[in-house]
Amino acid sequence: MTHSTDAPRFHTDEANRVPRLMVRAVLALILSTLALVSWSVMTRQPLDSLPPISPLKAQRAFSLDSDLTGAVRVFDATGALLADLTPEQGGFIAGVHRVILHERGKARLPEDGPVLLQAYENGRMAIIDPATGWRADLMGFGADNARAFARLLAQPRTASPGQTPDAAPTAQP
């Protein structure tokens, strides 16, 4: 059995070393962040990053039914079909539906049930699951995705299968 007399190298050459000042600065940043967050939690500081509050302009309750392809069907409170969207048209809405299903599963609640879509006077929109209290401000997902939900809010009529809310014929009561 041979033993090496070479001591293991724990240091690299000077060209590849991180400057001590940089390591200390990063450590100070981490500790400062931890201290600020701890102080905020312990003193129960209010959340300042909430979306701006504005009066409610419109609201609609509807139910969603989606599959893993991204296709989604949207039903109003009476069970009438509002939209039957293909995966290309309803991908984001189906993704939001999967999040709602996940939240309901965590809370051990039934998967069916309505969600609320709210539009505010400042132009923002939110989707809310009354069963779990989960909510999402749709403006954070981009204008195209918010517009997908805005079409549902503006949809006054029933869509035939395969039609988007924009292409649905006017239904006479």
N, C-alpha and C. Protein backbone atom coordinates (compact mmCIF):
# COMPACT_ATOMS: atom_id res chain seq x y z
N MET A 1 0.84 -1.16 0.00
CA MET A 1 0.00 0.00 0.00
C MET A 1 0.89 1.23 0.00
N THR A 2 0.61 2.09 -0.94
CA THR A 2 1.45 3.28 -1.04
C THR A 2 0.66 4.48 -0.56
N HIS A 3 1.36 5.36 0.04
CA HIS A 3 0.76 6.60 0.51
C HIS A 3 1.36 7.74 -0.27
N SER A 4 0.51 8.65 -0.64
CA SER A 4 0.99 9.82 -1.36
C SER A 4 1.38 10.88 -0.34
N THR A 5 2.45 11.51 -0.61
CA THR A 5 2.90 12.58 0.28
C THR A 5 2.35 13.93 -0.15
N ASP A 6 1.67 13.93 -1.29
CA ASP A 6 1.08 15.18 -1.76
C ASP A 6 -0.19 15.48 -0.95
N ALA A 7 -0.26 16.64 -0.41
CA ALA A 7 -1.45 17.06 0.33
C ALA A 7 -2.54 17.43 -0.68
N PRO A 8 -3.80 17.13 -0.36
CA PRO A 8 -4.86 17.49 -1.29
C PRO A 8 -4.94 19.01 -1.46
N ARG A 9 -5.27 19.42 -2.67
CA ARG A 9 -5.36 20.85 -2.95
C ARG A 9 -6.78 21.32 -2.73
N PHE A 10 -6.96 22.24 -1.81
CA PHE A 10 -8.26 22.81 -1.55
C PHE A 10 -8.41 24.18 -2.20
N HIS A 11 -7.33 24.70 -2.69
CA HIS A 11 -7.35 26.03 -3.28
C HIS A 11 -7.03 25.93 -4.77
N THR A 12 -7.60 26.84 -5.51
CA THR A 12 -7.30 26.90 -6.93
C THR A 12 -6.29 28.02 -7.15
N ASP A 13 -5.88 28.15 -8.37
CA ASP A 13 -4.93 29.22 -8.65
C ASP A 13 -5.63 30.58 -8.54
N GLU A 14 -4.87 31.61 -8.44
CA GLU A 14 -5.39 32.97 -8.22
C GLU A 14 -6.34 33.43 -9.32
N ALA A 15 -6.17 33.01 -10.53
CA ALA A 15 -7.01 33.48 -11.64
C ALA A 15 -8.45 32.98 -11.52
N ASN A 16 -8.66 31.85 -10.86
CA ASN A 16 -10.00 31.27 -10.76
C ASN A 16 -10.68 31.51 -9.41
N ARG A 17 -10.08 32.25 -8.55
CA ARG A 17 -10.65 32.48 -7.22
C ARG A 17 -11.67 33.62 -7.25
N VAL A 18 -12.71 33.47 -6.47
CA VAL A 18 -13.69 34.54 -6.30
C VAL A 18 -13.13 35.49 -5.26
N PRO A 19 -13.13 36.77 -5.55
CA PRO A 19 -12.57 37.73 -4.58
C PRO A 19 -13.32 37.68 -3.25
N ARG A 20 -12.56 37.77 -2.16
CA ARG A 20 -13.16 37.72 -0.83
C ARG A 20 -14.20 38.81 -0.63
N LEU A 21 -13.95 39.97 -1.17
CA LEU A 21 -14.90 41.07 -1.03
C LEU A 21 -16.25 40.69 -1.66
N MET A 22 -16.21 40.02 -2.79
CA MET A 22 -17.44 39.61 -3.46
C MET A 22 -18.19 38.57 -2.62
N VAL A 23 -17.49 37.61 -2.06
CA VAL A 23 -18.11 36.59 -1.22
C VAL A 23 -18.76 37.25 0.00
N ARG A 24 -18.06 38.19 0.61
CA ARG A 24 -18.60 38.88 1.78
C ARG A 24 -19.81 39.74 1.41
N ALA A 25 -19.78 40.36 0.24
CA ALA A 25 -20.91 41.19 -0.20
C ALA A 25 -22.15 40.32 -0.43
N VAL A 26 -21.98 39.17 -1.05
CA VAL A 26 -23.11 38.27 -1.28
C VAL A 26 -23.65 37.75 0.05
N LEU A 27 -22.78 37.40 0.96
CA LEU A 27 -23.20 36.94 2.29
C LEU A 27 -23.97 38.04 3.02
N ALA A 28 -23.49 39.27 2.94
CA ALA A 28 -24.18 40.40 3.57
C ALA A 28 -25.56 40.61 2.95
N LEU A 29 -25.66 40.48 1.63
CA LEU A 29 -26.95 40.61 0.96
C LEU A 29 -27.93 39.53 1.42
N ILE A 30 -27.47 38.31 1.50
CA ILE A 30 -28.33 37.20 1.94
C ILE A 30 -28.80 37.42 3.38
N LEU A 31 -27.89 37.78 4.26
CA LEU A 31 -28.25 38.00 5.66
C LEU A 31 -29.19 39.20 5.82
N SER A 32 -28.96 40.26 5.05
CA SER A 32 -29.84 41.43 5.10
C SER A 32 -31.25 41.08 4.64
N THR A 33 -31.34 40.32 3.56
CA THR A 33 -32.64 39.90 3.06
C THR A 33 -33.36 39.03 4.08
N LEU A 34 -32.66 38.10 4.67
CA LEU A 34 -33.25 37.24 5.69
C LEU A 34 -33.73 38.06 6.89
N ALA A 35 -32.93 39.04 7.31
CA ALA A 35 -33.32 39.89 8.44
C ALA A 35 -34.56 40.72 8.11
N LEU A 36 -34.62 41.31 6.91
CA LEU A 36 -35.78 42.11 6.52
C LEU A 36 -37.06 41.28 6.43
N VAL A 37 -36.96 40.11 5.85
CA VAL A 37 -38.14 39.24 5.74
C VAL A 37 -38.58 38.78 7.13
N SER A 38 -37.64 38.41 7.98
CA SER A 38 -37.98 37.98 9.34
C SER A 38 -38.67 39.10 10.10
N TRP A 39 -38.13 40.31 10.01
CA TRP A 39 -38.74 41.46 10.69
C TRP A 39 -40.15 41.69 10.17
N SER A 40 -40.33 41.62 8.86
CA SER A 40 -41.64 41.86 8.25
C SER A 40 -42.66 40.84 8.73
N VAL A 41 -42.26 39.58 8.80
CA VAL A 41 -43.18 38.53 9.24
C VAL A 41 -43.49 38.67 10.73
N MET A 42 -42.47 38.91 11.54
CA MET A 42 -42.68 38.99 12.99
C MET A 42 -43.51 40.21 13.39
N THR A 43 -43.39 41.31 12.67
CA THR A 43 -44.17 42.51 13.00
C THR A 43 -45.47 42.58 12.20
N ARG A 44 -45.75 41.55 11.41
CA ARG A 44 -47.00 41.45 10.63
C ARG A 44 -47.24 42.67 9.76
N GLN A 45 -46.24 43.02 9.00
CA GLN A 45 -46.36 44.15 8.08
C GLN A 45 -47.36 43.81 6.97
N PRO A 46 -48.17 44.77 6.53
CA PRO A 46 -49.13 44.49 5.46
C PRO A 46 -48.42 44.29 4.12
N LEU A 47 -49.08 43.54 3.25
CA LEU A 47 -48.53 43.31 1.91
C LEU A 47 -48.70 44.58 1.08
N ASP A 48 -47.63 45.02 0.47
CA ASP A 48 -47.67 46.23 -0.35
C ASP A 48 -47.73 45.93 -1.83
N SER A 49 -47.62 44.67 -2.21
CA SER A 49 -47.55 44.34 -3.63
C SER A 49 -48.88 43.84 -4.18
N LEU A 50 -49.97 44.24 -3.58
CA LEU A 50 -51.28 43.84 -4.08
C LEU A 50 -51.66 44.71 -5.27
N PRO A 51 -52.49 44.17 -6.19
CA PRO A 51 -52.93 44.99 -7.32
C PRO A 51 -53.75 46.19 -6.83
N PRO A 52 -53.76 47.26 -7.60
CA PRO A 52 -54.52 48.44 -7.18
C PRO A 52 -56.01 48.12 -7.06
N ILE A 53 -56.62 48.69 -6.04
CA ILE A 53 -58.05 48.47 -5.79
C ILE A 53 -58.86 49.42 -6.66
N SER A 54 -59.90 48.88 -7.28
CA SER A 54 -60.76 49.66 -8.17
C SER A 54 -62.18 49.12 -8.04
N PRO A 55 -63.18 49.94 -8.30
CA PRO A 55 -64.56 49.45 -8.24
C PRO A 55 -64.81 48.34 -9.27
N LEU A 56 -65.67 47.41 -8.88
CA LEU A 56 -66.04 46.30 -9.75
C LEU A 56 -66.92 46.81 -10.88
N LYS A 57 -66.54 46.46 -12.11
CA LYS A 57 -67.29 46.90 -13.30
C LYS A 57 -68.23 45.80 -13.79
N ALA A 58 -67.75 44.56 -13.81
CA ALA A 58 -68.56 43.44 -14.29
C ALA A 58 -68.08 42.16 -13.63
N GLN A 59 -68.97 41.21 -13.53
CA GLN A 59 -68.64 39.92 -12.91
C GLN A 59 -69.47 38.83 -13.57
N ARG A 60 -68.87 37.65 -13.70
CA ARG A 60 -69.61 36.53 -14.28
C ARG A 60 -69.15 35.25 -13.60
N ALA A 61 -70.11 34.41 -13.24
CA ALA A 61 -69.81 33.09 -12.70
C ALA A 61 -69.93 32.08 -13.84
N PHE A 62 -68.98 31.18 -13.92
CA PHE A 62 -69.05 30.13 -14.93
C PHE A 62 -68.28 28.91 -14.45
N SER A 63 -68.53 27.78 -15.09
CA SER A 63 -67.85 26.54 -14.78
C SER A 63 -66.98 26.16 -15.97
N LEU A 64 -65.89 25.48 -15.67
CA LEU A 64 -64.94 25.07 -16.70
C LEU A 64 -64.88 23.55 -16.77
N ASP A 65 -64.65 23.04 -17.96
CA ASP A 65 -64.42 21.61 -18.18
C ASP A 65 -63.32 21.52 -19.23
N SER A 66 -62.18 20.96 -18.84
CA SER A 66 -61.05 20.91 -19.78
C SER A 66 -60.45 19.52 -19.80
N ASP A 67 -59.61 19.29 -20.79
CA ASP A 67 -58.84 18.06 -20.84
C ASP A 67 -57.36 18.41 -20.97
N LEU A 68 -56.51 17.40 -20.98
CA LEU A 68 -55.07 17.65 -20.99
C LEU A 68 -54.55 18.18 -22.32
N THR A 69 -55.36 18.17 -23.35
CA THR A 69 -54.91 18.70 -24.64
C THR A 69 -54.93 20.22 -24.67
N GLY A 70 -55.65 20.83 -23.74
CA GLY A 70 -55.79 22.29 -23.73
C GLY A 70 -57.15 22.74 -24.21
N ALA A 71 -57.98 21.80 -24.68
CA ALA A 71 -59.34 22.15 -25.06
C ALA A 71 -60.15 22.41 -23.80
N VAL A 72 -61.08 23.34 -23.88
CA VAL A 72 -61.87 23.69 -22.70
C VAL A 72 -63.28 24.08 -23.13
N ARG A 73 -64.23 23.70 -22.29
CA ARG A 73 -65.62 24.12 -22.48
C ARG A 73 -65.99 24.98 -21.29
N VAL A 74 -66.69 26.07 -21.58
CA VAL A 74 -67.08 27.03 -20.55
C VAL A 74 -68.60 27.07 -20.50
N PHE A 75 -69.15 26.90 -19.29
CA PHE A 75 -70.60 26.90 -19.10
C PHE A 75 -70.99 28.04 -18.17
N ASP A 76 -72.13 28.67 -18.44
CA ASP A 76 -72.60 29.73 -17.55
C ASP A 76 -73.26 29.12 -16.32
N ALA A 77 -73.81 29.95 -15.45
CA ALA A 77 -74.39 29.49 -14.19
C ALA A 77 -75.59 28.58 -14.40
N THR A 78 -76.27 28.69 -15.54
CA THR A 78 -77.43 27.84 -15.83
C THR A 78 -77.03 26.52 -16.48
N GLY A 79 -75.76 26.36 -16.82
CA GLY A 79 -75.29 25.16 -17.49
C GLY A 79 -75.25 25.29 -19.00
N ALA A 80 -75.62 26.44 -19.53
CA ALA A 80 -75.58 26.67 -20.98
C ALA A 80 -74.13 26.85 -21.43
N LEU A 81 -73.81 26.33 -22.59
CA LEU A 81 -72.46 26.43 -23.13
C LEU A 81 -72.16 27.85 -23.57
N LEU A 82 -71.10 28.42 -23.00
CA LEU A 82 -70.65 29.75 -23.42
C LEU A 82 -69.61 29.65 -24.53
N ALA A 83 -68.71 28.67 -24.40
CA ALA A 83 -67.63 28.54 -25.39
C ALA A 83 -67.12 27.11 -25.39
N ASP A 84 -66.77 26.63 -26.55
CA ASP A 84 -66.13 25.33 -26.74
C ASP A 84 -64.84 25.63 -27.49
N LEU A 85 -63.74 25.71 -26.75
CA LEU A 85 -62.48 26.20 -27.30
C LEU A 85 -61.52 25.05 -27.60
N THR A 86 -60.87 25.14 -28.74
CA THR A 86 -59.85 24.17 -29.13
C THR A 86 -58.60 24.39 -28.28
N PRO A 87 -57.63 23.47 -28.34
CA PRO A 87 -56.39 23.68 -27.58
C PRO A 87 -55.67 24.98 -27.95
N GLU A 88 -55.74 25.39 -29.22
CA GLU A 88 -55.09 26.63 -29.62
C GLU A 88 -55.80 27.85 -29.05
N GLN A 89 -57.10 27.77 -28.91
CA GLN A 89 -57.89 28.90 -28.41
C GLN A 89 -57.97 28.93 -26.89
N GLY A 90 -57.99 27.77 -26.27
CA GLY A 90 -58.26 27.71 -24.84
C GLY A 90 -57.12 27.22 -23.98
N GLY A 91 -55.91 27.21 -24.50
CA GLY A 91 -54.77 26.68 -23.74
C GLY A 91 -54.56 27.36 -22.40
N PHE A 92 -54.60 28.70 -22.38
CA PHE A 92 -54.39 29.42 -21.13
C PHE A 92 -55.55 29.20 -20.16
N ILE A 93 -56.77 29.21 -20.68
CA ILE A 93 -57.93 29.00 -19.83
C ILE A 93 -57.89 27.59 -19.23
N ALA A 94 -57.50 26.60 -20.04
CA ALA A 94 -57.36 25.23 -19.53
C ALA A 94 -56.26 25.15 -18.48
N GLY A 95 -55.18 25.90 -18.67
CA GLY A 95 -54.10 25.93 -17.67
C GLY A 95 -54.57 26.51 -16.35
N VAL A 96 -55.35 27.57 -16.41
CA VAL A 96 -55.92 28.15 -15.18
C VAL A 96 -56.86 27.14 -14.53
N HIS A 97 -57.63 26.42 -15.34
CA HIS A 97 -58.53 25.41 -14.80
C HIS A 97 -57.75 24.32 -14.06
N ARG A 98 -56.60 23.91 -14.60
CA ARG A 98 -55.78 22.90 -13.92
C ARG A 98 -55.29 23.42 -12.57
N VAL A 99 -54.94 24.70 -12.50
CA VAL A 99 -54.52 25.29 -11.21
C VAL A 99 -55.68 25.26 -10.22
N ILE A 100 -56.87 25.61 -10.68
CA ILE A 100 -58.05 25.59 -9.80
C ILE A 100 -58.32 24.17 -9.32
N LEU A 101 -58.23 23.19 -10.22
CA LEU A 101 -58.43 21.79 -9.82
C LEU A 101 -57.39 21.36 -8.80
N HIS A 102 -56.14 21.79 -8.98
CA HIS A 102 -55.08 21.46 -8.03
C HIS A 102 -55.38 22.06 -6.65
N GLU A 103 -55.79 23.32 -6.62
CA GLU A 103 -56.11 23.99 -5.36
C GLU A 103 -57.29 23.30 -4.67
N ARG A 104 -58.29 22.92 -5.43
CA ARG A 104 -59.45 22.22 -4.85
C ARG A 104 -59.05 20.84 -4.35
N GLY A 105 -58.15 20.18 -5.07
CA GLY A 105 -57.66 18.88 -4.61
C GLY A 105 -56.89 18.99 -3.31
N LYS A 106 -56.06 20.02 -3.17
CA LYS A 106 -55.32 20.23 -1.92
C LYS A 106 -56.26 20.47 -0.76
N ALA A 107 -57.37 21.16 -1.02
CA ALA A 107 -58.34 21.46 0.04
C ALA A 107 -59.38 20.35 0.19
N ARG A 108 -59.26 19.28 -0.61
CA ARG A 108 -60.19 18.15 -0.60
C ARG A 108 -61.64 18.60 -0.84
N LEU A 109 -61.77 19.46 -1.82
CA LEU A 109 -63.08 19.96 -2.22
C LEU A 109 -63.49 19.34 -3.55
N PRO A 110 -64.78 19.31 -3.86
CA PRO A 110 -65.21 18.78 -5.16
C PRO A 110 -64.62 19.60 -6.31
N GLU A 111 -64.32 18.93 -7.41
CA GLU A 111 -63.70 19.61 -8.55
C GLU A 111 -64.67 20.51 -9.31
N ASP A 112 -65.94 20.19 -9.25
CA ASP A 112 -66.90 21.02 -9.99
C ASP A 112 -67.29 22.22 -9.13
N GLY A 113 -67.92 23.15 -9.74
CA GLY A 113 -68.31 24.37 -9.05
C GLY A 113 -67.87 25.58 -9.83
N PRO A 114 -68.57 26.66 -9.67
CA PRO A 114 -68.27 27.85 -10.47
C PRO A 114 -67.04 28.61 -9.98
N VAL A 115 -66.49 29.38 -10.89
CA VAL A 115 -65.45 30.36 -10.57
C VAL A 115 -66.00 31.72 -10.98
N LEU A 116 -65.44 32.75 -10.41
CA LEU A 116 -65.88 34.11 -10.73
C LEU A 116 -64.82 34.81 -11.56
N LEU A 117 -65.26 35.49 -12.58
CA LEU A 117 -64.40 36.35 -13.37
C LEU A 117 -64.86 37.77 -13.11
N GLN A 118 -63.94 38.60 -12.64
CA GLN A 118 -64.29 39.98 -12.31
C GLN A 118 -63.46 40.95 -13.13
N ALA A 119 -64.12 41.98 -13.64
CA ALA A 119 -63.44 43.06 -14.36
C ALA A 119 -63.62 44.33 -13.53
N TYR A 120 -62.54 45.09 -13.42
CA TYR A 120 -62.56 46.31 -12.61
C TYR A 120 -62.48 47.53 -13.52
N GLU A 121 -62.86 48.66 -12.99
CA GLU A 121 -62.89 49.89 -13.78
C GLU A 121 -61.51 50.36 -14.21
N ASN A 122 -60.46 49.92 -13.53
CA ASN A 122 -59.11 50.32 -13.92
C ASN A 122 -58.55 49.43 -15.03
N GLY A 123 -59.37 48.52 -15.57
CA GLY A 123 -58.95 47.67 -16.68
C GLY A 123 -58.38 46.33 -16.25
N ARG A 124 -58.19 46.10 -14.99
CA ARG A 124 -57.65 44.83 -14.52
C ARG A 124 -58.76 43.79 -14.44
N MET A 125 -58.36 42.53 -14.49
CA MET A 125 -59.31 41.42 -14.37
C MET A 125 -58.74 40.41 -13.40
N ALA A 126 -59.63 39.70 -12.71
CA ALA A 126 -59.20 38.66 -11.78
C ALA A 126 -60.13 37.48 -11.91
N ILE A 127 -59.58 36.29 -11.70
CA ILE A 127 -60.39 35.09 -11.62
C ILE A 127 -60.29 34.59 -10.19
N ILE A 128 -61.43 34.22 -9.63
CA ILE A 128 -61.51 33.87 -8.22
C ILE A 128 -62.23 32.54 -8.09
N ASP A 129 -61.69 31.66 -7.26
CA ASP A 129 -62.36 30.41 -6.93
C ASP A 129 -62.98 30.58 -5.54
N PRO A 130 -64.30 30.77 -5.46
CA PRO A 130 -64.92 30.99 -4.15
C PRO A 130 -64.77 29.79 -3.20
N ALA A 131 -64.61 28.59 -3.75
CA ALA A 131 -64.50 27.40 -2.91
C ALA A 131 -63.21 27.39 -2.09
N THR A 132 -62.11 27.84 -2.69
CA THR A 132 -60.82 27.79 -2.00
C THR A 132 -60.30 29.16 -1.59
N GLY A 133 -60.85 30.22 -2.17
CA GLY A 133 -60.33 31.56 -1.91
C GLY A 133 -59.17 31.92 -2.81
N TRP A 134 -58.76 31.01 -3.71
CA TRP A 134 -57.66 31.28 -4.64
C TRP A 134 -58.09 32.35 -5.62
N ARG A 135 -57.17 33.23 -5.95
CA ARG A 135 -57.45 34.28 -6.94
C ARG A 135 -56.18 34.59 -7.71
N ALA A 136 -56.37 35.05 -8.94
CA ALA A 136 -55.24 35.45 -9.77
C ALA A 136 -55.61 36.72 -10.52
N ASP A 137 -54.72 37.69 -10.48
CA ASP A 137 -54.88 38.91 -11.27
C ASP A 137 -54.40 38.56 -12.67
N LEU A 138 -55.29 38.58 -13.64
CA LEU A 138 -54.97 38.11 -14.99
C LEU A 138 -54.03 39.03 -15.75
N MET A 139 -53.86 40.27 -15.31
CA MET A 139 -52.96 41.18 -16.01
C MET A 139 -51.51 40.72 -15.91
N GLY A 140 -51.19 39.93 -14.90
CA GLY A 140 -49.84 39.42 -14.73
C GLY A 140 -49.46 38.37 -15.76
N PHE A 141 -50.42 37.88 -16.52
CA PHE A 141 -50.15 36.84 -17.51
C PHE A 141 -50.09 37.37 -18.93
N GLY A 142 -50.18 38.67 -19.10
CA GLY A 142 -50.08 39.27 -20.43
C GLY A 142 -51.43 39.61 -21.01
N ALA A 143 -51.41 40.53 -21.95
CA ALA A 143 -52.64 41.05 -22.54
C ALA A 143 -53.40 39.99 -23.33
N ASP A 144 -52.71 39.12 -24.06
CA ASP A 144 -53.40 38.10 -24.85
C ASP A 144 -54.17 37.13 -23.96
N ASN A 145 -53.55 36.71 -22.86
CA ASN A 145 -54.21 35.78 -21.95
C ASN A 145 -55.37 36.45 -21.22
N ALA A 146 -55.21 37.70 -20.83
CA ALA A 146 -56.32 38.42 -20.19
C ALA A 146 -57.46 38.61 -21.18
N ARG A 147 -57.13 38.83 -22.44
CA ARG A 147 -58.15 39.01 -23.48
C ARG A 147 -58.97 37.72 -23.67
N ALA A 148 -58.34 36.56 -23.49
CA ALA A 148 -59.07 35.30 -23.61
C ALA A 148 -60.20 35.24 -22.59
N PHE A 149 -59.93 35.70 -21.38
CA PHE A 149 -60.97 35.72 -20.35
C PHE A 149 -61.94 36.88 -20.58
N ALA A 150 -61.46 38.00 -21.09
CA ALA A 150 -62.34 39.15 -21.35
C ALA A 150 -63.43 38.78 -22.34
N ARG A 151 -63.09 37.94 -23.33
CA ARG A 151 -64.10 37.50 -24.30
C ARG A 151 -65.20 36.70 -23.61
N LEU A 152 -64.82 35.92 -22.59
CA LEU A 152 -65.83 35.15 -21.85
C LEU A 152 -66.73 36.07 -21.05
N LEU A 153 -66.17 37.12 -20.50
CA LEU A 153 -66.96 38.06 -19.71
C LEU A 153 -67.95 38.81 -20.59
N ALA A 154 -67.54 39.13 -21.79
CA ALA A 154 -68.39 39.89 -22.71
C ALA A 154 -69.38 39.00 -23.45
N GLN A 155 -69.24 37.69 -23.33
CA GLN A 155 -70.05 36.74 -24.08
C GLN A 155 -71.48 36.69 -23.54
N PRO A 156 -72.46 37.31 -24.24
CA PRO A 156 -73.84 37.29 -23.75
C PRO A 156 -74.66 36.12 -24.28
N ARG A 157 -74.09 35.33 -25.17
CA ARG A 157 -74.88 34.32 -25.85
C ARG A 157 -74.20 32.96 -25.77
N THR A 158 -74.91 31.95 -26.17
CA THR A 158 -74.42 30.59 -26.13
C THR A 158 -73.70 30.25 -27.42
N ALA A 159 -72.56 29.59 -27.30
CA ALA A 159 -71.78 29.18 -28.47
C ALA A 159 -72.11 27.74 -28.81
N SER A 160 -72.10 27.43 -30.09
CA SER A 160 -72.24 26.05 -30.53
C SER A 160 -70.90 25.37 -30.37
N PRO A 161 -70.88 24.03 -30.22
CA PRO A 161 -69.61 23.33 -30.09
C PRO A 161 -68.66 23.67 -31.23
N GLY A 162 -67.41 23.92 -30.90
CA GLY A 162 -66.39 24.26 -31.89
C GLY A 162 -66.29 25.74 -32.17
N GLN A 163 -67.14 26.56 -31.58
CA GLN A 163 -67.12 27.99 -31.84
C GLN A 163 -66.49 28.73 -30.67
N THR A 164 -65.84 29.82 -31.00
CA THR A 164 -65.33 30.72 -29.98
C THR A 164 -66.45 31.66 -29.59
N PRO A 165 -66.33 32.34 -28.47
CA PRO A 165 -67.38 33.28 -28.09
C PRO A 165 -67.60 34.36 -29.13
N ASP A 166 -66.55 34.78 -29.85
CA ASP A 166 -66.69 35.83 -30.85
C ASP A 166 -67.53 35.38 -32.04
N ALA A 167 -67.51 34.08 -32.35
CA ALA A 167 -68.18 33.59 -33.55
C ALA A 167 -69.57 33.02 -33.26
N ALA A 168 -70.00 33.05 -32.00
CA ALA A 168 -71.28 32.44 -31.65
C ALA A 168 -72.44 33.25 -32.20
N PRO A 169 -73.46 32.56 -32.68
CA PRO A 169 -74.64 33.29 -33.15
C PRO A 169 -75.41 33.85 -31.96
N THR A 170 -76.18 34.87 -32.20
CA THR A 170 -76.99 35.47 -31.15
C THR A 170 -78.15 34.54 -30.81
N ALA A 171 -78.29 34.24 -29.53
CA ALA A 171 -79.39 33.38 -29.09
C ALA A 171 -80.55 34.25 -28.64
N GLN A 172 -81.73 33.93 -29.11
CA GLN A 172 -82.92 34.68 -28.72
C GLN A 172 -83.58 33.96 -27.55
N PRO A 173 -83.91 34.66 -26.46
CA PRO A 173 -84.55 34.00 -25.31
C PRO A 173 -85.99 33.65 -25.59
